[in-house]
Amino acid sequence: MGFWRKLFGSKKNSKEPEATSPYLPEKKDEIEIIFAEKFTQKGGKFIFSEDIKSTDDFFKLIMEENDWKTQDVLCFDPKLIKRFTLDPAPDHFFSLRNFKVLLIGCEYLIANKGTVLICSHQIKNCKLEAMPDFFIVYSGLDNFVNDVSEGMSKLKNKYTDQLPTNITTLNVKNSKDENDFLSYGNSAKNLYLILQEH
């Protein structure tokens, strides 16, 4: 898909400047770029991976950077548990805070806000406040949507038989906002996003 080219532009220097016209519509950034800019501006750590091996390497680096062991990682998704060779989540959730990081997939990546749409498929019926302060979100390139409204529409179409519960957006914890009274208690988290090209 040439994600890097979209994000950072082509290396070729064109000698001719692009012609512009006041009658042409304004050129918009692609949805992936909008998300990446918003997410990183808020303090999220955005990691693009071209293949499975790179993803494994990045996951190990995140673990090393934070001095985490596999037993520090909470994950509810059986596919991710198998994929990253983790222990299954405990049956009872009273000890969620004993874990240092939660590894999840996601439903959608919300471009205009730089946030992540999740639901009970990722976090069960747990409150974000009860979860660890760090999240590692694992996603593919097909999860981008423009806004929450589009994400909710797609969610309804995806789960036509039964809409999941506990639908929420996961926000990046921003040190600037921590002193802001209006953002108090909003359950923002320290986020790593590993975006893997399939």
C-alpha atoms as a PDB file:
ATOM      1  CA  MET A   1       0.000   0.000   0.000  1.00  0.00           C
ATOM      2  CA  GLY A   2       3.027   2.291   0.260  1.00  0.00           C
ATOM      3  CA  PHE A   3       2.128   3.568   3.712  1.00  0.00           C
ATOM      4  CA  TRP A   4       5.564   5.138   4.285  1.00  0.00           C
ATOM      5  CA  ARG A   5       5.256   7.030   1.007  1.00  0.00           C
ATOM      6  CA  LYS A   6       1.869   8.368   2.096  1.00  0.00           C
ATOM      7  CA  LEU A   7       3.141   9.369   5.525  1.00  0.00           C
ATOM      8  CA  PHE A   8       6.474  10.932   4.562  1.00  0.00           C
ATOM      9  CA  GLY A   9       6.039  11.701   0.854  1.00  0.00           C
ATOM     10  CA  SER A  10       8.036  10.582  -2.132  1.00  0.00           C
ATOM     11  CA  LYS A  11      11.801  11.205  -2.262  1.00  0.00           C
ATOM     12  CA  LYS A  12      11.636  12.365  -5.887  1.00  0.00           C
ATOM     13  CA  ASN A  13      12.010  16.099  -6.286  1.00  0.00           C
ATOM     14  CA  SER A  14       9.790  17.462  -9.008  1.00  0.00           C
ATOM     15  CA  LYS A  15      11.328  20.398 -10.843  1.00  0.00           C
ATOM     16  CA  GLU A  16       7.939  21.776 -11.844  1.00  0.00           C
ATOM     17  CA  PRO A  17       5.765  23.171  -9.034  1.00  0.00           C
ATOM     18  CA  GLU A  18       2.212  21.847  -8.973  1.00  0.00           C
ATOM     19  CA  ALA A  19      -0.308  24.102 -10.640  1.00  0.00           C
ATOM     20  CA  THR A  20      -2.997  25.366  -8.313  1.00  0.00           C
ATOM     21  CA  SER A  21      -6.320  26.927  -9.048  1.00  0.00           C
ATOM     22  CA  PRO A  22      -8.821  28.632  -6.781  1.00  0.00           C
ATOM     23  CA  TYR A  23     -11.522  26.574  -8.563  1.00  0.00           C
ATOM     24  CA  LEU A  24     -10.045  23.181  -7.711  1.00  0.00           C
ATOM     25  CA  PRO A  25     -11.046  21.551  -4.418  1.00  0.00           C
ATOM     26  CA  GLU A  26      -8.444  21.795  -1.666  1.00  0.00           C
ATOM     27  CA  LYS A  27      -6.222  18.715  -1.542  1.00  0.00           C
ATOM     28  CA  LYS A  28      -6.867  16.783   1.666  1.00  0.00           C
ATOM     29  CA  ASP A  29      -4.431  14.627   3.602  1.00  0.00           C
ATOM     30  CA  GLU A  30      -5.138  10.930   3.497  1.00  0.00           C
ATOM     31  CA  ILE A  31      -6.940   9.415   6.451  1.00  0.00           C
ATOM     32  CA  GLU A  32      -3.858   7.508   7.678  1.00  0.00           C
ATOM     33  CA  ILE A  33      -1.756  10.674   7.782  1.00  0.00           C
ATOM     34  CA  ILE A  34      -4.432  12.629   9.635  1.00  0.00           C
ATOM     35  CA  PHE A  35      -4.661   9.899  12.273  1.00  0.00           C
ATOM     36  CA  ALA A  36      -0.872   9.563  12.650  1.00  0.00           C
ATOM     37  CA  GLU A  37      -0.436  13.326  13.097  1.00  0.00           C
ATOM     38  CA  LYS A  38      -3.242  13.675  15.676  1.00  0.00           C
ATOM     39  CA  PHE A  39      -2.189  10.543  17.577  1.00  0.00           C
ATOM     40  CA  THR A  40       1.488  11.525  17.851  1.00  0.00           C
ATOM     41  CA  GLN A  41       0.726  15.196  18.631  1.00  0.00           C
ATOM     42  CA  LYS A  42      -1.161  13.977  21.705  1.00  0.00           C
ATOM     43  CA  GLY A  43       1.821  11.873  22.776  1.00  0.00           C
ATOM     44  CA  GLY A  44       0.892   8.457  21.392  1.00  0.00           C
ATOM     45  CA  LYS A  45       3.729   6.252  20.181  1.00  0.00           C
ATOM     46  CA  PHE A  46       3.016   5.261  16.592  1.00  0.00           C
ATOM     47  CA  ILE A  47       4.945   2.305  15.166  1.00  0.00           C
ATOM     48  CA  PHE A  48       4.522   1.166  11.564  1.00  0.00           C
ATOM     49  CA  SER A  49       5.488  -2.417  10.806  1.00  0.00           C
ATOM     50  CA  GLU A  50       5.876  -3.845   7.309  1.00  0.00           C
ATOM     51  CA  ASP A  51       5.657  -7.520   8.314  1.00  0.00           C
ATOM     52  CA  ILE A  52       5.207 -10.042  11.136  1.00  0.00           C
ATOM     53  CA  LYS A  53       8.923 -10.218  11.947  1.00  0.00           C
ATOM     54  CA  SER A  54       9.140  -6.423  12.334  1.00  0.00           C
ATOM     55  CA  THR A  55       6.075  -6.491  14.578  1.00  0.00           C
ATOM     56  CA  ASP A  56       7.719  -9.107  16.806  1.00  0.00           C
ATOM     57  CA  ASP A  57      10.887  -6.993  16.982  1.00  0.00           C
ATOM     58  CA  PHE A  58       8.930  -3.836  17.865  1.00  0.00           C
ATOM     59  CA  PHE A  59       6.928  -5.687  20.526  1.00  0.00           C
ATOM     60  CA  LYS A  60      10.169  -6.907  22.133  1.00  0.00           C
ATOM     61  CA  LEU A  61      11.626  -3.382  22.041  1.00  0.00           C
ATOM     62  CA  ILE A  62       8.527  -1.954  23.762  1.00  0.00           C
ATOM     63  CA  MET A  63       8.815  -4.635  26.447  1.00  0.00           C
ATOM     64  CA  GLU A  64      12.530  -3.915  26.944  1.00  0.00           C
ATOM     65  CA  GLU A  65      12.043  -0.128  26.966  1.00  0.00           C
ATOM     66  CA  ASN A  66       9.598  -0.433  29.867  1.00  0.00           C
ATOM     67  CA  ASP A  67      11.314  -3.377  31.582  1.00  0.00           C
ATOM     68  CA  TRP A  68       8.141  -5.480  31.237  1.00  0.00           C
ATOM     69  CA  LYS A  69       8.011  -9.272  31.359  1.00  0.00           C
ATOM     70  CA  THR A  70       5.348 -11.391  29.645  1.00  0.00           C
ATOM     71  CA  GLN A  71       3.589 -11.883  32.995  1.00  0.00           C
ATOM     72  CA  ASP A  72       3.143  -8.083  33.192  1.00  0.00           C
ATOM     73  CA  VAL A  73       0.984  -8.122  30.034  1.00  0.00           C
ATOM     74  CA  LEU A  74      -2.793  -8.549  30.290  1.00  0.00           C
ATOM     75  CA  CYS A  75      -4.599  -9.720  27.147  1.00  0.00           C
ATOM     76  CA  PHE A  76      -8.158 -11.007  26.686  1.00  0.00           C
ATOM     77  CA  ASP A  77      -7.905 -11.886  22.978  1.00  0.00           C
ATOM     78  CA  PRO A  78      -7.012 -15.579  22.408  1.00  0.00           C
ATOM     79  CA  LYS A  79      -5.534 -14.781  18.971  1.00  0.00           C
ATOM     80  CA  LEU A  80      -3.215 -12.109  20.389  1.00  0.00           C
ATOM     81  CA  ILE A  81      -2.297 -14.333  23.350  1.00  0.00           C
ATOM     82  CA  LYS A  82      -1.201 -17.022  20.893  1.00  0.00           C
ATOM     83  CA  ARG A  83       0.372 -14.519  18.470  1.00  0.00           C
ATOM     84  CA  PHE A  84       2.623 -12.937  21.134  1.00  0.00           C
ATOM     85  CA  THR A  85       3.036 -16.071  23.313  1.00  0.00           C
ATOM     86  CA  LEU A  86       1.382 -14.681  26.452  1.00  0.00           C
ATOM     87  CA  ASP A  87      -0.371 -16.203  29.459  1.00  0.00           C
ATOM     88  CA  PRO A  88      -4.192 -16.227  29.283  1.00  0.00           C
ATOM     89  CA  ALA A  89      -6.019 -13.520  31.230  1.00  0.00           C
ATOM     90  CA  PRO A  90      -7.203 -14.461  34.731  1.00  0.00           C
ATOM     91  CA  ASP A  91     -10.813 -15.602  35.130  1.00  0.00           C
ATOM     92  CA  HIS A  92     -11.589 -12.914  37.671  1.00  0.00           C
ATOM     93  CA  PHE A  93     -10.732  -9.298  37.034  1.00  0.00           C
ATOM     94  CA  PHE A  94     -10.164  -8.007  40.575  1.00  0.00           C
ATOM     95  CA  SER A  95      -6.404  -7.925  39.982  1.00  0.00           C
ATOM     96  CA  LEU A  96      -6.323  -5.941  36.725  1.00  0.00           C
ATOM     97  CA  ARG A  97      -4.130  -3.244  38.262  1.00  0.00           C
ATOM     98  CA  ASN A  98      -1.469  -5.879  39.024  1.00  0.00           C
ATOM     99  CA  PHE A  99      -0.674  -5.891  35.305  1.00  0.00           C
ATOM    100  CA  LYS A 100       1.499  -3.152  33.843  1.00  0.00           C
ATOM    101  CA  VAL A 101       0.177  -3.153  30.278  1.00  0.00           C
ATOM    102  CA  LEU A 102      -2.882  -4.273  28.319  1.00  0.00           C
ATOM    103  CA  LEU A 103      -2.423  -5.680  24.804  1.00  0.00           C
ATOM    104  CA  ILE A 104      -5.527  -5.286  22.620  1.00  0.00           C
ATOM    105  CA  GLY A 105      -6.716  -5.169  19.054  1.00  0.00           C
ATOM    106  CA  CYS A 106      -9.181  -2.438  18.147  1.00  0.00           C
ATOM    107  CA  GLU A 107     -12.349  -1.847  16.207  1.00  0.00           C
ATOM    108  CA  TYR A 108     -11.355   1.371  14.429  1.00  0.00           C
ATOM    109  CA  LEU A 109      -8.751   4.151  14.409  1.00  0.00           C
ATOM    110  CA  ILE A 110     -10.546   7.530  14.475  1.00  0.00           C
ATOM    111  CA  ALA A 111      -8.604   9.906  12.206  1.00  0.00           C
ATOM    112  CA  ASN A 112     -10.081  13.304  13.111  1.00  0.00           C
ATOM    113  CA  LYS A 113      -9.443  12.770  16.839  1.00  0.00           C
ATOM    114  CA  GLY A 114      -6.375  10.495  16.833  1.00  0.00           C
ATOM    115  CA  THR A 115      -8.223   8.068  19.119  1.00  0.00           C
ATOM    116  CA  VAL A 116      -8.976   4.338  19.108  1.00  0.00           C
ATOM    117  CA  LEU A 117     -12.517   2.909  19.103  1.00  0.00           C
ATOM    118  CA  ILE A 118     -12.800  -0.181  21.316  1.00  0.00           C
ATOM    119  CA  CYS A 119     -15.573  -2.224  22.895  1.00  0.00           C
ATOM    120  CA  SER A 120     -16.269  -5.298  25.017  1.00  0.00           C
ATOM    121  CA  HIS A 121     -14.444  -7.449  22.461  1.00  0.00           C
ATOM    122  CA  GLN A 122     -11.194  -5.785  23.565  1.00  0.00           C
ATOM    123  CA  ILE A 123     -11.766  -4.876  27.233  1.00  0.00           C
ATOM    124  CA  LYS A 124     -14.660  -7.150  28.282  1.00  0.00           C
ATOM    125  CA  ASN A 125     -16.933  -5.244  30.675  1.00  0.00           C
ATOM    126  CA  CYS A 126     -14.078  -3.620  32.580  1.00  0.00           C
ATOM    127  CA  LYS A 127     -13.887   0.117  33.149  1.00  0.00           C
ATOM    128  CA  LEU A 128     -10.885   1.915  31.684  1.00  0.00           C
ATOM    129  CA  GLU A 129     -10.103   3.328  35.134  1.00  0.00           C
ATOM    130  CA  ALA A 130      -9.510  -0.233  36.372  1.00  0.00           C
ATOM    131  CA  MET A 131      -7.102  -1.063  33.546  1.00  0.00           C
ATOM    132  CA  PRO A 132      -3.305  -0.653  33.507  1.00  0.00           C
ATOM    133  CA  ASP A 133      -1.939   2.788  32.578  1.00  0.00           C
ATOM    134  CA  PHE A 134      -0.228   1.465  29.449  1.00  0.00           C
ATOM    135  CA  PHE A 135      -1.913  -0.042  26.395  1.00  0.00           C
ATOM    136  CA  ILE A 136      -0.348  -1.635  23.322  1.00  0.00           C
ATOM    137  CA  VAL A 137      -2.845  -1.524  20.452  1.00  0.00           C
ATOM    138  CA  TYR A 138      -2.241  -3.911  17.537  1.00  0.00           C
ATOM    139  CA  SER A 139      -3.987  -3.008  14.282  1.00  0.00           C
ATOM    140  CA  GLY A 140      -3.952  -3.466  10.533  1.00  0.00           C
ATOM    141  CA  LEU A 141      -4.252  -0.783   7.862  1.00  0.00           C
ATOM    142  CA  ASP A 142      -7.930  -1.535   7.241  1.00  0.00           C
ATOM    143  CA  ASN A 143      -9.174  -0.039  10.524  1.00  0.00           C
ATOM    144  CA  PHE A 144      -9.061   3.683   9.680  1.00  0.00           C
ATOM    145  CA  VAL A 145     -12.275   5.726   9.719  1.00  0.00           C
ATOM    146  CA  ASN A 146     -12.760   9.485   9.436  1.00  0.00           C
ATOM    147  CA  ASP A 147     -14.725  10.073  12.652  1.00  0.00           C
ATOM    148  CA  VAL A 148     -16.640   8.424  15.490  1.00  0.00           C
ATOM    149  CA  SER A 149     -19.901   8.541  13.524  1.00  0.00           C
ATOM    150  CA  GLU A 150     -18.383   6.510  10.677  1.00  0.00           C
ATOM    151  CA  GLY A 151     -16.828   4.119  13.207  1.00  0.00           C
ATOM    152  CA  MET A 152     -20.185   3.545  14.910  1.00  0.00           C
ATOM    153  CA  SER A 153     -21.921   2.939  11.561  1.00  0.00           C
ATOM    154  CA  LYS A 154     -19.294   0.374  10.604  1.00  0.00           C
ATOM    155  CA  LEU A 155     -19.526  -1.214  14.057  1.00  0.00           C
ATOM    156  CA  LYS A 156     -23.309  -1.656  13.621  1.00  0.00           C
ATOM    157  CA  ASN A 157     -22.767  -3.237  10.197  1.00  0.00           C
ATOM    158  CA  LYS A 158     -19.976  -5.461  11.489  1.00  0.00           C
ATOM    159  CA  TYR A 159     -22.027  -6.837  14.391  1.00  0.00           C
ATOM    160  CA  THR A 160     -25.512  -6.920  12.861  1.00  0.00           C
ATOM    161  CA  ASP A 161     -26.753  -9.748  15.094  1.00  0.00           C
ATOM    162  CA  GLN A 162     -25.587  -8.265  18.412  1.00  0.00           C
ATOM    163  CA  LEU A 163     -23.956  -4.887  18.988  1.00  0.00           C
ATOM    164  CA  PRO A 164     -21.123  -5.148  21.529  1.00  0.00           C
ATOM    165  CA  THR A 165     -21.284  -3.363  24.873  1.00  0.00           C
ATOM    166  CA  ASN A 166     -18.751  -1.080  26.582  1.00  0.00           C
ATOM    167  CA  ILE A 167     -18.112   0.939  23.387  1.00  0.00           C
ATOM    168  CA  THR A 168     -15.671   3.781  24.054  1.00  0.00           C
ATOM    169  CA  THR A 169     -12.795   5.721  22.564  1.00  0.00           C
ATOM    170  CA  LEU A 170      -9.338   5.243  23.968  1.00  0.00           C
ATOM    171  CA  ASN A 171      -7.499   8.551  24.349  1.00  0.00           C
ATOM    172  CA  VAL A 172      -3.793   9.218  24.654  1.00  0.00           C
ATOM    173  CA  LYS A 173      -2.707  10.448  28.070  1.00  0.00           C
ATOM    174  CA  ASN A 174      -1.324  13.923  27.502  1.00  0.00           C
ATOM    175  CA  SER A 175       0.750  15.532  30.254  1.00  0.00           C
ATOM    176  CA  LYS A 176      -0.522  18.993  29.186  1.00  0.00           C
ATOM    177  CA  ASP A 177      -4.109  17.934  29.862  1.00  0.00           C
ATOM    178  CA  GLU A 178      -3.458  16.399  33.286  1.00  0.00           C
ATOM    179  CA  ASN A 179      -3.678  19.805  34.975  1.00  0.00           C
ATOM    180  CA  ASP A 180      -6.801  20.715  33.001  1.00  0.00           C
ATOM    181  CA  PHE A 181      -9.875  20.446  35.239  1.00  0.00           C
ATOM    182  CA  LEU A 182     -12.137  19.475  32.308  1.00  0.00           C
ATOM    183  CA  SER A 183     -10.014  16.436  31.439  1.00  0.00           C
ATOM    184  CA  TYR A 184      -9.882  15.131  35.015  1.00  0.00           C
ATOM    185  CA  GLY A 185     -10.866  11.476  35.272  1.00  0.00           C
ATOM    186  CA  ASN A 186     -11.177  10.857  31.538  1.00  0.00           C
ATOM    187  CA  SER A 187      -9.303   7.529  31.730  1.00  0.00           C
ATOM    188  CA  ALA A 188      -6.691   8.440  29.128  1.00  0.00           C
ATOM    189  CA  LYS A 189      -3.846   5.938  28.771  1.00  0.00           C
ATOM    190  CA  ASN A 190      -0.234   5.820  27.616  1.00  0.00           C
ATOM    191  CA  LEU A 191      -0.643   4.301  24.155  1.00  0.00           C
ATOM    192  CA  TYR A 192       1.611   2.387  21.818  1.00  0.00           C
ATOM    193  CA  LEU A 193       0.077   1.621  18.433  1.00  0.00           C
ATOM    194  CA  ILE A 194       1.666  -1.085  16.299  1.00  0.00           C
ATOM    195  CA  LEU A 195       0.202  -0.721  12.828  1.00  0.00           C
ATOM    196  CA  GLN A 196       1.077  -3.732  10.696  1.00  0.00           C
ATOM    197  CA  GLU A 197       0.849  -3.754   6.924  1.00  0.00           C
ATOM    198  CA  HIS A 198      -0.692  -7.076   5.854  1.00  0.00           C
END
